[in-house]
Amino acid sequence: MTPRQIEKELQRQADLFEETCKAGMVTAQHMRMVDFCEMYLEIKADSLAPRTHEYYTNTIRSLIIPVLGHMKLEEIRTCHVQQFIHLMKHETVQDKKGVSRPLSSSTIKRKLAILQSIMRQALKLGLITVNPADGARLSLP
């Protein structure tokens, strides 16, 4: 390539990058789950009852972010969601008598529903193209 062709190609790439930035695609491609979860909680703040929002916040911060928070949204696959379910199956909680017991199936499904809602919101916003938490592809307890 001649210096003129190189300069022209560089300008074309710069213009393409600028258009991508204006469309919001750069941040979407690299958004981590932890960052989107905070955005999700802000989006849902007005539509959820206060106690439900509190439950979502606690579940997201204590369970979803520690497991999936480090991943980019577009990198999360159904296998990761299935591992998340598997981890919950082996998690224990203490009951009122102080006895450790595994999470019930209904509790696991409630917590999974939060992750599914997060991923549905990401899909609506165009941050992902497929919902990896779609229940049709998961083995549930």
Protein backbone atom coordinates (compact mmCIF):
# COMPACT_ATOMS: atom_id res chain seq x y z
CA MET A 1 0.00 0.00 0.00
CA THR A 2 1.12 3.49 -0.75
CA PRO A 3 1.27 6.09 2.02
CA ARG A 4 -1.83 7.74 0.54
CA GLN A 5 -3.76 4.44 0.59
CA ILE A 6 -2.71 3.80 4.19
CA GLU A 7 -3.85 7.28 5.21
CA LYS A 8 -7.18 6.78 3.43
CA GLU A 9 -7.74 3.39 5.11
CA LEU A 10 -6.87 4.82 8.52
CA GLN A 11 -9.40 7.60 8.01
CA ARG A 12 -12.05 5.07 6.97
CA GLN A 13 -11.39 2.98 10.08
CA ALA A 14 -11.53 6.10 12.28
CA ASP A 15 -14.88 7.09 10.75
CA LEU A 16 -16.22 3.57 11.25
CA PHE A 17 -15.08 3.57 14.89
CA GLU A 18 -16.72 6.95 15.48
CA GLU A 19 -20.03 5.69 14.06
CA THR A 20 -19.82 2.61 16.27
CA CYS A 21 -19.21 4.78 19.33
CA LYS A 22 -22.16 7.02 18.51
CA ALA A 23 -24.39 3.96 18.15
CA GLY A 24 -23.31 2.79 21.62
CA MET A 25 -21.90 -0.48 20.33
CA VAL A 26 -18.42 -0.12 21.80
CA THR A 27 -19.54 -0.11 25.42
CA ALA A 28 -22.10 -2.84 24.76
CA GLN A 29 -19.53 -5.19 23.29
CA HIS A 30 -17.33 -4.97 26.36
CA MET A 31 -19.89 -4.54 29.16
CA ARG A 32 -19.31 -6.91 32.03
CA MET A 33 -22.15 -8.57 33.89
CA VAL A 34 -21.32 -6.68 37.09
CA ASP A 35 -21.76 -3.33 35.31
CA PHE A 36 -24.98 -4.35 33.62
CA CYS A 37 -26.44 -5.67 36.88
CA GLU A 38 -26.14 -2.22 38.43
CA MET A 39 -27.79 -0.70 35.35
CA TYR A 40 -30.52 -3.36 35.55
CA LEU A 41 -31.26 -2.51 39.19
CA GLU A 42 -31.64 1.16 38.25
CA ILE A 43 -33.96 0.29 35.36
CA LYS A 44 -36.11 -1.94 37.57
CA ALA A 45 -36.18 0.38 40.61
CA ASP A 46 -39.50 1.99 39.65
CA SER A 47 -41.25 -1.14 38.39
CA LEU A 48 -40.53 -3.47 41.33
CA ALA A 49 -42.06 -3.31 44.80
CA PRO A 50 -39.51 -2.10 47.38
CA ARG A 51 -39.09 -5.51 49.07
CA THR A 52 -38.82 -7.26 45.70
CA HIS A 53 -36.17 -4.76 44.60
CA GLU A 54 -34.30 -5.41 47.85
CA TYR A 55 -34.49 -9.19 47.27
CA TYR A 56 -33.25 -8.75 43.69
CA THR A 57 -30.40 -6.51 44.88
CA ASN A 58 -29.33 -8.99 47.57
CA THR A 59 -29.48 -11.95 45.19
CA ILE A 60 -27.58 -10.11 42.47
CA ARG A 61 -24.84 -8.87 44.80
CA SER A 62 -24.44 -12.04 46.87
CA LEU A 63 -24.89 -14.70 44.20
CA ILE A 64 -25.01 -13.58 40.57
CA ILE A 65 -22.12 -11.08 40.60
CA PRO A 66 -19.69 -13.38 42.46
CA VAL A 67 -20.37 -16.19 39.96
CA LEU A 68 -20.89 -14.36 36.63
CA GLY A 69 -19.94 -10.74 37.32
CA HIS A 70 -16.44 -10.95 35.85
CA MET A 71 -17.72 -12.11 32.46
CA LYS A 72 -18.64 -9.94 29.49
CA LEU A 73 -22.35 -10.14 28.68
CA GLU A 74 -21.81 -11.55 25.21
CA GLU A 75 -19.48 -14.25 26.59
CA ILE A 76 -22.12 -15.76 28.88
CA ARG A 77 -23.46 -19.00 27.42
CA THR A 78 -26.12 -21.50 28.44
CA CYS A 79 -23.41 -23.73 29.92
CA HIS A 80 -22.45 -20.91 32.33
CA VAL A 81 -26.08 -20.54 33.42
CA GLN A 82 -26.28 -24.30 33.89
CA GLN A 83 -23.15 -24.16 36.08
CA PHE A 84 -24.82 -21.36 38.07
CA ILE A 85 -27.82 -23.66 38.68
CA HIS A 86 -25.47 -26.49 39.66
CA LEU A 87 -23.70 -24.24 42.17
CA MET A 88 -27.03 -23.26 43.73
CA LYS A 89 -28.01 -26.94 44.05
CA HIS A 90 -24.93 -27.49 46.20
CA GLU A 91 -25.24 -24.28 48.22
CA THR A 92 -26.46 -24.65 51.80
CA VAL A 93 -28.31 -22.29 54.12
CA GLN A 94 -29.02 -22.48 57.81
CA ASP A 95 -32.61 -22.81 58.92
CA LYS A 96 -34.06 -21.22 62.09
CA LYS A 97 -32.69 -24.07 64.20
CA GLY A 98 -29.17 -23.57 62.84
CA VAL A 99 -29.22 -26.74 60.76
CA SER A 100 -27.59 -26.53 57.30
CA ARG A 101 -29.78 -27.63 54.42
CA PRO A 102 -29.57 -27.29 50.63
CA LEU A 103 -31.55 -24.64 48.80
CA SER A 104 -35.00 -25.82 47.81
CA SER A 105 -35.94 -26.20 44.15
CA SER A 106 -38.35 -23.28 44.41
CA THR A 107 -35.63 -21.01 45.85
CA ILE A 108 -33.25 -22.00 43.05
CA LYS A 109 -35.96 -21.25 40.48
CA ARG A 110 -36.67 -17.84 42.09
CA LYS A 111 -33.00 -16.89 41.96
CA LEU A 112 -32.71 -18.19 38.40
CA ALA A 113 -35.72 -16.06 37.44
CA ILE A 114 -33.73 -12.97 38.46
CA LEU A 115 -30.84 -13.98 36.20
CA GLN A 116 -33.32 -14.68 33.39
CA SER A 117 -34.84 -11.23 33.87
CA ILE A 118 -31.39 -9.62 33.71
CA MET A 119 -30.56 -11.41 30.49
CA ARG A 120 -33.99 -10.60 28.97
CA GLN A 121 -33.34 -6.92 29.70
CA ALA A 122 -29.90 -7.13 28.06
CA LEU A 123 -31.55 -8.74 25.02
CA LYS A 124 -34.18 -5.96 24.86
CA LEU A 125 -31.44 -3.33 24.97
CA GLY A 126 -29.55 -5.05 22.17
CA LEU A 127 -26.51 -5.85 24.32
CA ILE A 128 -26.77 -9.57 23.50
CA THR A 129 -28.32 -11.40 20.57
CA VAL A 130 -29.41 -14.60 22.36
CA ASN A 131 -30.64 -15.10 25.92
CA PRO A 132 -28.38 -17.78 27.45
CA ALA A 133 -30.72 -18.08 30.45
CA ASP A 134 -33.71 -19.07 28.32
CA GLY A 135 -35.50 -21.75 30.33
CA ALA A 136 -36.18 -23.95 27.30
CA ARG A 137 -32.50 -24.88 27.08
CA LEU A 138 -31.80 -25.44 30.79
CA SER A 139 -32.06 -28.45 33.08
CA LEU A 140 -33.91 -27.16 36.10
CA PRO A 141 -34.07 -28.75 39.57
